[in-house]
Amino acid sequence: MVTFVHNTGHNFCGWLRYGTLGEADLVPWRLSHSTVDPNPRPPLIVRGGPILGVLVP
């Protein structure tokens, strides 16, 4: 659940900056990752995961 919320933060910040979700891998037994393409604001998108991960749970 924590991984899902964390990656949702990345995706949400990408969506706010007019990016689109390129790929999302949320399988529990692998390292999860999300790709926003194009990545209009990399620092915002990188920080979005931890910020939402702290605020939501």
PDB file of N, CA and C in Angstrom:
ATOM      1  N   MET A   1       0.820  -1.196   0.000  1.00  0.00           N
ATOM      2  CA  MET A   1       0.000   0.000   0.000  1.00  0.00           C
ATOM      3  C   MET A   1       0.864   1.259   0.000  1.00  0.00           C
ATOM      4  N   VAL A   2       1.932   1.251   0.767  1.00  0.00           N
ATOM      5  CA  VAL A   2       2.820   2.414   0.837  1.00  0.00           C
ATOM      6  C   VAL A   2       3.449   2.680  -0.530  1.00  0.00           C
ATOM      7  N   THR A   3       3.853   1.625  -1.208  1.00  0.00           N
ATOM      8  CA  THR A   3       4.457   1.781  -2.531  1.00  0.00           C
ATOM      9  C   THR A   3       3.459   2.362  -3.519  1.00  0.00           C
ATOM     10  N   PHE A   4       2.219   1.929  -3.436  1.00  0.00           N
ATOM     11  CA  PHE A   4       1.181   2.454  -4.323  1.00  0.00           C
ATOM     12  C   PHE A   4       0.970   3.947  -4.091  1.00  0.00           C
ATOM     13  N   VAL A   5       0.884   4.363  -2.835  1.00  0.00           N
ATOM     14  CA  VAL A   5       0.686   5.778  -2.511  1.00  0.00           C
ATOM     15  C   VAL A   5       1.893   6.596  -2.962  1.00  0.00           C
ATOM     16  N   HIS A   6       3.092   6.085  -2.747  1.00  0.00           N
ATOM     17  CA  HIS A   6       4.314   6.770  -3.132  1.00  0.00           C
ATOM     18  C   HIS A   6       4.355   6.999  -4.651  1.00  0.00           C
ATOM     19  N   ASN A   7       4.093   5.956  -5.421  1.00  0.00           N
ATOM     20  CA  ASN A   7       4.119   6.088  -6.881  1.00  0.00           C
ATOM     21  C   ASN A   7       2.954   6.926  -7.398  1.00  0.00           C
ATOM     22  N   THR A   8       1.838   6.903  -6.714  1.00  0.00           N
ATOM     23  CA  THR A   8       0.732   7.772  -7.081  1.00  0.00           C
ATOM     24  C   THR A   8       1.122   9.232  -6.922  1.00  0.00           C
ATOM     25  N   GLY A   9       1.940   9.534  -5.928  1.00  0.00           N
ATOM     26  CA  GLY A   9       2.439  10.901  -5.752  1.00  0.00           C
ATOM     27  C   GLY A   9       3.264  11.354  -6.941  1.00  0.00           C
ATOM     28  N   HIS A  10       4.139  10.487  -7.437  1.00  0.00           N
ATOM     29  CA  HIS A  10       4.920  10.821  -8.628  1.00  0.00           C
ATOM     30  C   HIS A  10       3.996  11.066  -9.824  1.00  0.00           C
ATOM     31  N   ASN A  11       3.046  10.171 -10.010  1.00  0.00           N
ATOM     32  CA  ASN A  11       2.139  10.279 -11.155  1.00  0.00           C
ATOM     33  C   ASN A  11       1.245  11.509 -11.052  1.00  0.00           C
ATOM     34  N   PHE A  12       0.769  11.807  -9.866  1.00  0.00           N
ATOM     35  CA  PHE A  12      -0.102  12.964  -9.664  1.00  0.00           C
ATOM     36  C   PHE A  12       0.640  14.264  -9.961  1.00  0.00           C
ATOM     37  N   CYS A  13       1.868  14.383  -9.495  1.00  0.00           N
ATOM     38  CA  CYS A  13       2.644  15.594  -9.774  1.00  0.00           C
ATOM     39  C   CYS A  13       2.969  15.702 -11.260  1.00  0.00           C
ATOM     40  N   GLY A  14       3.213  14.596 -11.910  1.00  0.00           N
ATOM     41  CA  GLY A  14       3.423  14.626 -13.348  1.00  0.00           C
ATOM     42  C   GLY A  14       2.178  15.076 -14.087  1.00  0.00           C
ATOM     43  N   TRP A  15       1.034  14.606 -13.633  1.00  0.00           N
ATOM     44  CA  TRP A  15      -0.234  14.999 -14.237  1.00  0.00           C
ATOM     45  C   TRP A  15      -0.498  16.489 -14.032  1.00  0.00           C
ATOM     46  N   LEU A  16      -0.146  17.008 -12.843  1.00  0.00           N
ATOM     47  CA  LEU A  16      -0.324  18.437 -12.575  1.00  0.00           C
ATOM     48  C   LEU A  16       0.500  19.296 -13.525  1.00  0.00           C
ATOM     49  N   ARG A  17       1.639  18.790 -13.949  1.00  0.00           N
ATOM     50  CA  ARG A  17       2.532  19.538 -14.840  1.00  0.00           C
ATOM     51  C   ARG A  17       2.360  19.116 -16.292  1.00  0.00           C
ATOM     52  N   TYR A  18       1.220  18.531 -16.637  1.00  0.00           N
ATOM     53  CA  TYR A  18       0.848  18.171 -18.005  1.00  0.00           C
ATOM     54  C   TYR A  18       1.710  17.057 -18.602  1.00  0.00           C
ATOM     55  N   GLY A  19       2.218  16.193 -17.766  1.00  0.00           N
ATOM     56  CA  GLY A  19       2.891  14.994 -18.251  1.00  0.00           C
ATOM     57  C   GLY A  19       1.888  13.853 -18.332  1.00  0.00           C
ATOM     58  N   THR A  20       2.265  12.772 -18.970  1.00  0.00           N
ATOM     59  CA  THR A  20       1.404  11.596 -19.033  1.00  0.00           C
ATOM     60  C   THR A  20       2.161  10.397 -18.492  1.00  0.00           C
ATOM     61  N   LEU A  21       1.424   9.465 -17.944  1.00  0.00           N
ATOM     62  CA  LEU A  21       2.027   8.268 -17.389  1.00  0.00           C
ATOM     63  C   LEU A  21       2.536   7.392 -18.516  1.00  0.00           C
ATOM     64  N   GLY A  22       3.838   7.182 -18.545  1.00  0.00           N
ATOM     65  CA  GLY A  22       4.424   6.343 -19.572  1.00  0.00           C
ATOM     66  C   GLY A  22       4.399   4.882 -19.187  1.00  0.00           C
ATOM     67  N   GLU A  23       4.739   4.598 -17.942  1.00  0.00           N
ATOM     68  CA  GLU A  23       4.803   3.212 -17.471  1.00  0.00           C
ATOM     69  C   GLU A  23       4.690   3.212 -15.951  1.00  0.00           C
ATOM     70  N   ALA A  24       4.008   2.237 -15.416  1.00  0.00           N
ATOM     71  CA  ALA A  24       3.918   2.052 -13.973  1.00  0.00           C
ATOM     72  C   ALA A  24       4.065   0.566 -13.671  1.00  0.00           C
ATOM     73  N   ASP A  25       4.995   0.229 -12.824  1.00  0.00           N
ATOM     74  CA  ASP A  25       5.231  -1.165 -12.435  1.00  0.00           C
ATOM     75  C   ASP A  25       5.073  -1.238 -10.924  1.00  0.00           C
ATOM     76  N   LEU A  26       3.968  -1.810 -10.472  1.00  0.00           N
ATOM     77  CA  LEU A  26       3.665  -1.870  -9.044  1.00  0.00           C
ATOM     78  C   LEU A  26       3.601  -3.299  -8.522  1.00  0.00           C
ATOM     79  N   VAL A  27       4.272  -4.212  -9.188  1.00  0.00           N
ATOM     80  CA  VAL A  27       4.273  -5.613  -8.766  1.00  0.00           C
ATOM     81  C   VAL A  27       5.026  -5.723  -7.433  1.00  0.00           C
ATOM     82  N   PRO A  28       4.445  -6.356  -6.418  1.00  0.00           N
ATOM     83  CA  PRO A  28       5.040  -6.361  -5.077  1.00  0.00           C
ATOM     84  C   PRO A  28       6.412  -7.038  -4.974  1.00  0.00           C
ATOM     85  N   TRP A  29       6.723  -7.984  -5.811  1.00  0.00           N
ATOM     86  CA  TRP A  29       7.978  -8.718  -5.671  1.00  0.00           C
ATOM     87  C   TRP A  29       9.114  -8.117  -6.498  1.00  0.00           C
ATOM     88  N   ARG A  30       8.886  -6.974  -7.144  1.00  0.00           N
ATOM     89  CA  ARG A  30       9.934  -6.261  -7.880  1.00  0.00           C
ATOM     90  C   ARG A  30      10.013  -4.831  -7.370  1.00  0.00           C
ATOM     91  N   LEU A  31      11.096  -4.160  -7.715  1.00  0.00           N
ATOM     92  CA  LEU A  31      11.234  -2.746  -7.381  1.00  0.00           C
ATOM     93  C   LEU A  31      10.240  -1.953  -8.226  1.00  0.00           C
ATOM     94  N   SER A  32       9.340  -1.248  -7.579  1.00  0.00           N
ATOM     95  CA  SER A  32       8.308  -0.526  -8.318  1.00  0.00           C
ATOM     96  C   SER A  32       8.884   0.766  -8.887  1.00  0.00           C
ATOM     97  N   HIS A  33       8.309   1.207  -9.990  1.00  0.00           N
ATOM     98  CA  HIS A  33       8.709   2.471 -10.593  1.00  0.00           C
ATOM     99  C   HIS A  33       7.589   3.008 -11.469  1.00  0.00           C
ATOM    100  N   SER A  34       7.634   4.312 -11.689  1.00  0.00           N
ATOM    101  CA  SER A  34       6.691   4.988 -12.572  1.00  0.00           C
ATOM    102  C   SER A  34       7.486   5.886 -13.499  1.00  0.00           C
ATOM    103  N   THR A  35       7.022   6.008 -14.723  1.00  0.00           N
ATOM    104  CA  THR A  35       7.671   6.863 -15.702  1.00  0.00           C
ATOM    105  C   THR A  35       6.664   7.879 -16.208  1.00  0.00           C
ATOM    106  N   VAL A  36       7.011   9.152 -16.095  1.00  0.00           N
ATOM    107  CA  VAL A  36       6.176  10.227 -16.623  1.00  0.00           C
ATOM    108  C   VAL A  36       6.847  10.723 -17.899  1.00  0.00           C
ATOM    109  N   ASP A  37       6.097  10.718 -18.996  1.00  0.00           N
ATOM    110  CA  ASP A  37       6.669  11.092 -20.282  1.00  0.00           C
ATOM    111  C   ASP A  37       5.721  12.019 -21.013  1.00  0.00           C
ATOM    112  N   PRO A  38       6.084  13.217 -21.380  1.00  0.00           N
ATOM    113  CA  PRO A  38       7.364  13.851 -21.093  1.00  0.00           C
ATOM    114  C   PRO A  38       7.421  14.289 -19.636  1.00  0.00           C
ATOM    115  N   ASN A  39       8.622  14.431 -19.138  1.00  0.00           N
ATOM    116  CA  ASN A  39       8.843  14.810 -17.747  1.00  0.00           C
ATOM    117  C   ASN A  39       9.105  16.315 -17.702  1.00  0.00           C
ATOM    118  N   PRO A  40       8.031  17.117 -17.513  1.00  0.00           N
ATOM    119  CA  PRO A  40       8.176  18.566 -17.635  1.00  0.00           C
ATOM    120  C   PRO A  40       8.916  19.225 -16.471  1.00  0.00           C
ATOM    121  N   ARG A  41       8.800  18.683 -15.275  1.00  0.00           N
ATOM    122  CA  ARG A  41       9.447  19.270 -14.096  1.00  0.00           C
ATOM    123  C   ARG A  41      10.036  18.156 -13.244  1.00  0.00           C
ATOM    124  N   PRO A  42      11.211  17.639 -13.588  1.00  0.00           N
ATOM    125  CA  PRO A  42      11.779  16.506 -12.856  1.00  0.00           C
ATOM    126  C   PRO A  42      11.885  16.700 -11.337  1.00  0.00           C
ATOM    127  N   PRO A  43      12.340  17.869 -10.824  1.00  0.00           N
ATOM    128  CA  PRO A  43      12.425  17.989  -9.357  1.00  0.00           C
ATOM    129  C   PRO A  43      11.074  17.857  -8.658  1.00  0.00           C
ATOM    130  N   LEU A  44      10.024  18.428  -9.242  1.00  0.00           N
ATOM    131  CA  LEU A  44       8.690  18.330  -8.641  1.00  0.00           C
ATOM    132  C   LEU A  44       8.205  16.889  -8.638  1.00  0.00           C
ATOM    133  N   ILE A  45       8.417  16.185  -9.728  1.00  0.00           N
ATOM    134  CA  ILE A  45       7.933  14.813  -9.834  1.00  0.00           C
ATOM    135  C   ILE A  45       8.706  13.883  -8.898  1.00  0.00           C
ATOM    136  N   VAL A  46       9.997  14.125  -8.742  1.00  0.00           N
ATOM    137  CA  VAL A  46      10.801  13.315  -7.817  1.00  0.00           C
ATOM    138  C   VAL A  46      10.330  13.524  -6.385  1.00  0.00           C
ATOM    139  N   ARG A  47      10.024  14.743  -6.023  1.00  0.00           N
ATOM    140  CA  ARG A  47       9.587  15.038  -4.646  1.00  0.00           C
ATOM    141  C   ARG A  47       8.132  14.667  -4.392  1.00  0.00           C
ATOM    142  N   GLY A  48       7.350  14.490  -5.441  1.00  0.00           N
ATOM    143  CA  GLY A  48       5.925  14.196  -5.280  1.00  0.00           C
ATOM    144  C   GLY A  48       5.649  12.881  -4.581  1.00  0.00           C
ATOM    145  N   GLY A  49       6.460  11.872  -4.816  1.00  0.00           N
ATOM    146  CA  GLY A  49       6.253  10.570  -4.170  1.00  0.00           C
ATOM    147  C   GLY A  49       6.390  10.636  -2.662  1.00  0.00           C
ATOM    148  N   PRO A  50       7.522  11.143  -2.148  1.00  0.00           N
ATOM    149  CA  PRO A  50       7.658  11.233  -0.697  1.00  0.00           C
ATOM    150  C   PRO A  50       6.661  12.188  -0.053  1.00  0.00           C
ATOM    151  N   ILE A  51       6.326  13.272  -0.727  1.00  0.00           N
ATOM    152  CA  ILE A  51       5.371  14.231  -0.141  1.00  0.00           C
ATOM    153  C   ILE A  51       3.997  13.577   0.036  1.00  0.00           C
ATOM    154  N   LEU A  52       3.498  12.936  -1.002  1.00  0.00           N
ATOM    155  CA  LEU A  52       2.196  12.270  -0.887  1.00  0.00           C
ATOM    156  C   LEU A  52       2.282  11.082   0.067  1.00  0.00           C
ATOM    157  N   GLY A  53       3.440  10.406   0.093  1.00  0.00           N
ATOM    158  CA  GLY A  53       3.630   9.291   1.011  1.00  0.00           C
ATOM    159  C   GLY A  53       3.573   9.701   2.472  1.00  0.00           C
ATOM    160  N   VAL A  54       3.922  10.938   2.749  1.00  0.00           N
ATOM    161  CA  VAL A  54       3.857  11.437   4.134  1.00  0.00           C
ATOM    162  C   VAL A  54       2.462  11.975   4.455  1.00  0.00           C
ATOM    163  N   LEU A  55       1.826  12.625   3.503  1.00  0.00           N
ATOM    164  CA  LEU A  55       0.549  13.277   3.768  1.00  0.00           C
ATOM    165  C   LEU A  55      -0.647  12.333   3.782  1.00  0.00           C
ATOM    166  N   VAL A  56      -0.666  11.311   2.951  1.00  0.00           N
ATOM    167  CA  VAL A  56      -1.861  10.478   2.805  1.00  0.00           C
ATOM    168  C   VAL A  56      -2.048   9.465   3.946  1.00  0.00           C
ATOM    169  N   PRO A  57      -1.060   8.654   4.275  1.00  0.00           N
ATOM    170  CA  PRO A  57      -1.348   7.652   5.317  1.00  0.00           C
ATOM    171  C   PRO A  57      -1.545   8.309   6.641  1.00  0.00           C
TER     172      PRO A  57
END
